[in-house]
């Protein structure tokens, strides 16, 4: 049974808040998958909560998908400050997929969406970006329900875009500008150790789901494992349920009309240029907290870490030996050491 609370969007359209009484999704990927698969709507639009939308945006997406049901759509994206006013930057116009990238804090990523600087204001693009993605429910089923392999957050853009291309569809940028406050949901809090492990696990899950040669997959896994902070609990080993979902998606994508090699040949997935790689490592944006949505001042104290487990709301923990972490005694969730 799904409980629904009737609501309205800013455009006055009917909306329903969906919650599951029998299962708590582990992150936004699973939550979005549950929302899609329990919905009776023909058109699905995924958005973040801290966004603004122009009048008629839903109608534009719906009209485009009515004529192009095999498309995955995204919108032009304008970065917003914490007070909802726009930064002076020009809107971003979709993304491409980087095969490998070196990131700040010594991280090595594989298959990651990167903003396509400049480019057309509408038309085909390599990948969605900006947290406003539209597609038909039927297309989501056809491309293998790709969000079902994700936990925590991250890799939504990558797996939706790649599944669409491999199954013969197109990713299309609409001439609609939406606003987005980035990092707003993470202001004033730290990722727990388990969250970090699940975020990394999404990257491994996407690699395993893609129909690429085994030797290339092994090379990309080895690339990511060069990240110094990755430990034994990074998440490249999956539960049987999740491993089954990954294998099922892999088989579906391997049956598509386009191959992994064709996506690379067409530049859908490509290496970074030297300038693009330098931008990934640009230290000038590392502490741009206003843009990233963190605290307004670096001198403000961090708020107290929660004294309850974020998964089960219990309050009894056990410290992990020789570390700064603790584990919940009830659900075994690992997090940074609590302080009152």
Protein backbone atom coordinates (compact mmCIF):
# COMPACT_ATOMS: atom_id res chain seq x y z
CA UNK A 1 0.00 0.00 0.00
CA UNK A 2 1.26 3.47 -0.93
CA UNK A 3 0.05 6.44 1.08
CA UNK A 4 -0.58 9.53 -1.02
CA UNK A 5 -1.05 13.10 0.12
CA UNK A 6 -2.61 15.33 -2.50
CA UNK A 7 -0.62 18.46 -3.25
CA UNK A 8 -0.02 21.08 -5.95
CA UNK A 9 3.05 22.08 -7.93
CA UNK A 10 3.94 25.81 -8.36
CA UNK A 11 2.06 25.62 -11.69
CA UNK A 12 -1.07 24.37 -9.93
CA UNK A 13 -0.73 20.84 -11.26
CA UNK A 14 -1.82 17.93 -9.06
CA UNK A 15 0.96 16.22 -7.14
CA UNK A 16 1.15 13.31 -4.72
CA UNK A 17 3.66 12.68 -1.94
CA UNK A 18 4.50 9.00 -1.99
CA UNK A 19 5.82 7.12 1.04
CA UNK A 20 6.40 3.44 1.61
CA UNK A 21 5.30 1.96 4.96
CA UNK A 22 7.28 -1.26 4.38
CA UNK A 23 10.64 -0.04 3.08
CA UNK A 24 12.77 3.03 3.67
CA UNK A 25 14.77 3.80 0.49
CA UNK A 26 18.54 3.97 0.95
CA UNK A 27 19.10 7.29 -0.77
CA UNK A 28 17.62 9.42 -3.52
CA UNK A 29 18.35 6.92 -6.32
CA UNK A 30 16.13 4.28 -4.73
CA UNK A 31 13.57 6.88 -3.66
CA UNK A 32 13.27 8.15 -7.23
CA UNK A 33 13.04 4.60 -8.56
CA UNK A 34 10.24 3.84 -6.09
CA UNK A 35 8.41 7.03 -7.06
CA UNK A 36 8.67 6.23 -10.77
CA UNK A 37 7.57 2.62 -10.50
CA UNK A 38 4.63 3.32 -8.18
CA UNK A 39 3.35 6.21 -10.28
CA UNK A 40 0.57 5.89 -12.82
CA UNK A 41 1.78 8.93 -14.79
CA UNK A 42 2.91 8.57 -18.41
CA UNK A 43 5.57 11.30 -18.05
CA UNK A 44 8.09 11.44 -15.20
CA UNK A 45 10.14 14.48 -14.16
CA UNK A 46 12.88 14.15 -11.52
CA UNK A 47 13.98 17.30 -9.68
CA UNK A 48 15.84 18.31 -6.55
CA UNK A 49 13.94 20.18 -3.85
CA UNK A 50 16.03 23.38 -3.89
CA UNK A 51 15.16 24.55 -7.41
CA UNK A 52 13.12 27.18 -9.24
CA UNK A 53 11.14 26.66 -12.44
CA UNK A 54 9.70 29.07 -15.03
CA UNK A 55 6.00 29.10 -15.98
CA UNK A 56 5.08 26.35 -18.41
CA UNK A 57 8.15 24.21 -17.81
CA UNK A 58 6.17 21.00 -17.30
CA UNK A 59 4.15 21.63 -20.47
CA UNK A 60 7.35 22.09 -22.49
CA UNK A 61 8.75 18.78 -21.24
CA UNK A 62 5.46 16.98 -21.81
CA UNK A 63 5.09 18.32 -25.36
CA UNK A 64 8.62 17.30 -26.30
CA UNK A 65 8.23 13.77 -24.90
CA UNK A 66 4.88 13.31 -26.62
CA UNK A 67 6.68 13.76 -29.95
CA UNK A 68 9.90 12.01 -28.85
CA UNK A 69 9.07 9.24 -26.35
CA UNK A 70 12.59 7.74 -26.65
CA UNK A 71 14.24 10.94 -25.37
CA UNK A 72 15.67 11.78 -21.94
CA UNK A 73 15.37 15.55 -21.46
CA UNK A 74 17.18 18.07 -19.30
CA UNK A 75 16.97 21.85 -18.92
CA UNK A 76 19.49 24.69 -18.99
CA UNK A 77 20.70 25.27 -15.43
CA UNK A 78 21.29 28.56 -13.62
CA UNK A 79 23.25 28.40 -10.33
CA UNK A 80 21.50 30.18 -7.43
CA UNK A 81 22.77 31.68 -4.19
CA UNK A 82 21.33 30.63 -0.85
CA UNK A 83 18.84 33.54 -1.05
CA UNK A 84 17.58 32.18 -4.40
CA UNK A 85 19.17 34.98 -6.46
CA UNK A 86 21.14 33.87 -9.54
CA UNK A 87 24.89 34.00 -9.88
CA UNK A 88 26.06 36.12 -12.84
CA UNK A 89 27.33 33.04 -14.70
CA UNK A 90 25.60 32.05 -17.93
CA UNK A 91 23.32 29.01 -17.64
CA UNK A 92 24.94 25.62 -18.16
CA UNK A 93 23.82 23.64 -21.20
CA UNK A 94 23.91 19.94 -20.48
CA UNK A 95 26.95 17.74 -19.97
CA UNK A 96 29.31 15.17 -21.40
CA UNK A 97 30.70 12.03 -19.78
CA UNK A 98 34.36 11.91 -18.76
CA UNK A 99 36.00 8.51 -19.02
CA UNK A 100 38.53 9.30 -16.27
CA UNK A 101 39.14 12.35 -14.10
CA UNK A 102 41.34 13.35 -11.19
CA UNK A 103 39.40 15.38 -8.62
CA UNK A 104 40.16 17.49 -5.57
CA UNK A 105 41.11 15.75 -2.32
CA UNK A 106 43.01 13.08 -4.24
CA UNK A 107 39.97 11.32 -5.72
CA UNK A 108 39.99 9.42 -9.02
CA UNK A 109 36.64 9.12 -10.78
CA UNK A 110 35.48 7.04 -13.73
CA UNK A 111 32.46 7.75 -15.96
CA UNK A 112 31.43 11.10 -14.48
CA UNK A 113 29.16 13.80 -15.93
CA UNK A 114 30.87 17.15 -16.52
CA UNK A 115 29.32 20.44 -17.58
CA UNK A 116 29.59 21.09 -21.31
CA UNK A 117 30.87 24.67 -21.23
CA UNK A 118 29.11 26.79 -23.84
CA UNK A 119 27.42 24.70 -26.47
CA UNK A 120 23.90 24.98 -27.90
CA UNK A 121 20.98 26.32 -25.91
CA UNK A 122 18.89 23.36 -27.07
CA UNK A 123 19.40 20.15 -28.97
CA UNK A 124 21.08 16.76 -28.48
CA UNK A 125 23.70 16.54 -25.71
CA UNK A 126 25.76 13.69 -24.28
CA UNK A 127 24.36 13.71 -20.74
CA UNK A 128 21.76 15.31 -18.50
CA UNK A 129 22.86 17.63 -15.71
CA UNK A 130 21.17 20.15 -13.45
CA UNK A 131 18.66 17.97 -11.57
CA UNK A 132 15.58 18.37 -13.81
CA UNK A 133 15.21 15.28 -15.99
CA UNK A 134 12.12 14.25 -17.95
CA UNK A 135 11.24 10.97 -19.64
CA UNK A 136 8.28 8.71 -20.23
CA UNK A 137 7.48 5.92 -17.82
CA UNK A 138 7.54 3.49 -20.77
CA UNK A 139 11.07 4.56 -21.70
CA UNK A 140 12.29 4.02 -18.12
CA UNK A 141 11.03 0.45 -18.33
CA UNK A 142 12.61 -0.08 -21.74
CA UNK A 143 16.08 1.06 -20.60
CA UNK A 144 16.02 -1.38 -17.69
CA UNK A 145 14.93 0.73 -14.69
CA UNK A 146 18.52 2.00 -14.23
CA UNK A 147 18.03 3.88 -10.93
CA UNK A 148 17.28 0.57 -9.21
CA UNK A 149 21.04 -0.15 -8.87
CA UNK A 150 21.83 3.06 -6.95
CA UNK A 151 21.98 3.77 -3.22
CA UNK A 152 22.78 6.96 -1.24
CA UNK A 153 23.10 9.69 -3.88
CA UNK A 154 25.07 10.28 -7.08
CA UNK A 155 25.40 8.72 -10.56
CA UNK A 156 21.76 9.39 -11.54
CA UNK A 157 22.86 11.51 -14.50
CA UNK A 158 25.44 9.03 -15.68
CA UNK A 159 23.34 5.86 -15.65
CA UNK A 160 20.18 7.49 -17.05
CA UNK A 161 22.16 9.09 -19.91
CA UNK A 162 24.20 5.99 -20.77
CA UNK A 163 21.19 3.67 -20.65
CA UNK A 164 19.31 6.03 -22.98
CA UNK A 165 22.15 6.12 -25.53
CA UNK A 166 22.80 2.36 -25.41
CA UNK A 167 19.11 1.59 -25.95
CA UNK A 168 18.93 3.80 -29.03
CA UNK A 169 17.44 6.97 -27.51
CA UNK A 170 18.72 10.53 -27.33
CA UNK A 171 19.50 12.95 -24.53
CA UNK A 172 17.94 16.31 -25.39
CA UNK A 173 18.54 19.76 -23.89
CA UNK A 174 15.38 21.89 -23.77
CA UNK A 175 15.49 25.73 -24.01
CA UNK A 176 14.07 26.01 -20.47
CA UNK A 177 16.16 27.67 -17.74
CA UNK A 178 15.76 26.26 -14.23
CA UNK A 179 17.50 27.50 -11.07
CA UNK A 180 19.41 25.30 -8.64
CA UNK A 181 21.00 25.93 -5.24
CA UNK A 182 23.85 23.46 -5.24
CA UNK A 183 24.85 21.63 -2.05
CA UNK A 184 21.86 23.13 -0.24
CA UNK A 185 20.83 19.77 1.15
CA UNK A 186 24.29 19.26 2.65
CA UNK A 187 24.80 22.65 4.28
CA UNK A 188 26.19 22.36 7.80
CA UNK A 189 26.55 18.58 7.87
CA UNK A 190 29.22 16.00 7.20
CA UNK A 191 28.81 12.80 5.20
CA UNK A 192 28.81 9.72 7.39
CA UNK A 193 31.26 6.92 6.64
CA UNK A 194 28.47 4.68 5.37
CA UNK A 195 27.15 7.42 3.10
CA UNK A 196 30.60 7.88 1.60
CA UNK A 197 30.92 4.13 1.02
CA UNK A 198 27.52 3.99 -0.69
CA UNK A 199 28.33 6.99 -2.90
CA UNK A 200 31.48 5.21 -4.06
CA UNK A 201 29.52 1.98 -4.47
CA UNK A 202 27.31 3.72 -7.04
CA UNK A 203 30.36 4.35 -9.21
CA UNK A 204 31.29 0.66 -9.07
CA UNK A 205 27.68 -0.35 -9.74
CA UNK A 206 27.53 1.78 -12.89
CA UNK A 207 30.80 0.29 -14.15
CA UNK A 208 29.50 -3.24 -13.61
CA UNK A 209 26.19 -2.45 -15.34
CA UNK A 210 27.77 -1.08 -18.52
CA UNK A 211 28.41 -3.53 -21.40
CA UNK A 212 32.12 -2.71 -21.73
CA UNK A 213 35.00 -5.18 -22.19
CA UNK A 214 36.09 -6.86 -18.96
CA UNK A 215 39.64 -5.57 -19.26
CA UNK A 216 38.43 -1.97 -19.59
CA UNK A 217 36.19 -2.38 -16.55
CA UNK A 218 39.12 -3.74 -14.56
CA UNK A 219 41.26 -0.78 -15.67
CA UNK A 220 38.62 1.75 -14.59
CA UNK A 221 38.13 -0.01 -11.25
CA UNK A 222 41.89 0.14 -10.67
CA UNK A 223 41.82 3.85 -11.57
CA UNK A 224 39.19 4.59 -8.92
CA UNK A 225 41.04 2.54 -6.31
CA UNK A 226 43.96 4.96 -6.60
CA UNK A 227 41.86 7.23 -4.36
CA UNK A 228 43.71 7.35 -1.05
CA UNK A 229 40.62 7.58 1.16
CA UNK A 230 39.08 4.38 -0.19
CA UNK A 231 39.15 1.66 2.45
CA UNK A 232 37.82 -1.85 2.78
CA UNK A 233 34.24 -0.57 3.18
CA UNK A 234 34.11 1.48 -0.02
CA UNK A 235 31.28 -0.60 -1.42
CA UNK A 236 32.57 -2.45 -4.48
CA UNK A 237 31.03 -5.67 -3.09
CA UNK A 238 27.23 -5.82 -3.31
CA UNK A 239 24.42 -7.62 -1.58
CA UNK A 240 22.92 -10.44 -3.62
CA UNK A 241 19.78 -8.36 -4.26
CA UNK A 242 21.78 -5.44 -5.59
CA UNK A 243 24.16 -7.65 -7.58
CA UNK A 244 21.13 -9.25 -9.26
CA UNK A 245 19.76 -5.83 -10.21
CA UNK A 246 23.14 -4.83 -11.66
CA UNK A 247 23.39 -8.04 -13.72
CA UNK A 248 19.84 -7.58 -14.98
CA UNK A 249 20.57 -4.01 -16.10
CA UNK A 250 23.85 -5.11 -17.73
CA UNK A 251 22.03 -7.74 -19.78
CA UNK A 252 19.40 -5.24 -20.87
CA UNK A 253 21.96 -2.63 -21.94
CA UNK A 254 24.06 -5.26 -23.73
CA UNK A 255 21.01 -6.06 -25.87
CA UNK A 256 20.62 -2.46 -27.04
CA UNK A 257 21.22 -1.26 -30.61
CA UNK A 258 24.31 0.80 -29.68
CA UNK A 259 27.53 -0.53 -28.21
CA UNK A 260 29.92 0.88 -25.64
CA UNK A 261 32.49 1.27 -28.39
CA UNK A 262 30.08 3.35 -30.48
CA UNK A 263 29.41 5.68 -27.54
CA UNK A 264 33.16 6.28 -27.19
CA UNK A 265 33.62 6.72 -30.94
CA UNK A 266 30.79 9.30 -31.01
CA UNK A 267 32.27 11.26 -28.08
CA UNK A 268 29.38 10.53 -25.71
CA UNK A 269 32.05 9.25 -23.30
CA UNK A 270 35.50 10.74 -23.85
CA UNK A 271 38.78 11.63 -22.12
CA UNK A 272 39.15 15.07 -20.58
CA UNK A 273 41.22 17.69 -22.34
CA UNK A 274 44.14 19.16 -20.38
CA UNK A 275 42.11 22.33 -19.72
CA UNK A 276 39.11 20.32 -18.49
CA UNK A 277 41.30 18.24 -16.19
CA UNK A 278 42.90 21.41 -14.79
CA UNK A 279 39.42 22.79 -14.06
CA UNK A 280 38.60 19.64 -12.03
CA UNK A 281 41.62 20.37 -9.82
CA UNK A 282 41.14 24.14 -9.62
CA UNK A 283 41.77 25.00 -5.96
CA UNK A 284 40.23 28.48 -6.27
CA UNK A 285 36.72 27.02 -6.02
CA UNK A 286 37.48 24.61 -3.20
CA UNK A 287 36.44 27.00 -0.44
CA UNK A 288 33.80 28.94 -2.37
CA UNK A 289 31.26 28.08 0.29
CA UNK A 290 28.63 30.58 -0.79
CA UNK A 291 28.48 28.99 -4.23
CA UNK A 292 28.58 25.44 -2.90
CA UNK A 293 25.75 26.13 -0.46
CA UNK A 294 27.69 25.67 2.75
CA UNK A 295 27.64 27.95 5.80
CA UNK A 296 27.59 31.67 5.07
CA UNK A 297 30.76 32.22 7.06
CA UNK A 298 33.70 29.93 7.65
CA UNK A 299 33.88 31.35 11.17
CA UNK A 300 30.46 30.02 12.14
CA UNK A 301 30.73 26.93 14.34
CA UNK A 302 29.69 23.63 12.89
CA UNK A 303 26.30 22.61 14.24
CA UNK A 304 26.38 19.67 16.64
CA UNK A 305 26.45 16.31 14.96
CA UNK A 306 23.18 14.43 15.44
CA UNK A 307 22.79 12.40 18.62
CA UNK A 308 20.45 9.96 16.86
CA UNK A 309 21.18 7.43 14.15
CA UNK A 310 19.92 8.91 10.83
CA UNK A 311 18.58 5.52 9.73
CA UNK A 312 16.75 4.11 12.75
CA UNK A 313 16.62 7.12 15.14
CA UNK A 314 18.19 5.09 17.99
CA UNK A 315 20.68 6.67 20.36
CA UNK A 316 23.03 3.88 21.40
CA UNK A 317 26.40 3.60 19.66
CA UNK A 318 29.64 1.69 19.91
CA UNK A 319 32.97 3.27 18.96
CA UNK A 320 34.87 1.60 16.13
CA UNK A 321 38.34 0.71 17.48
CA UNK A 322 41.25 2.88 16.34
CA UNK A 323 39.01 5.29 14.43
CA UNK A 324 36.86 8.40 14.81
CA UNK A 325 33.72 6.48 13.90
CA UNK A 326 30.89 4.86 15.84
CA UNK A 327 28.32 2.24 14.88
CA UNK A 328 24.65 2.12 15.79
CA UNK A 329 23.99 -0.89 18.02
CA UNK A 330 20.63 -1.51 16.34
CA UNK A 331 21.13 -1.10 12.55
CA UNK A 332 24.97 -1.14 12.38
CA UNK A 333 25.08 2.22 10.56
CA UNK A 334 28.58 3.71 10.70
CA UNK A 335 29.06 7.46 11.15
CA UNK A 336 31.51 9.99 12.42
CA UNK A 337 31.89 10.18 16.19
CA UNK A 338 29.02 12.04 17.83
CA UNK A 339 29.46 15.02 20.11
CA UNK A 340 26.85 16.57 22.35
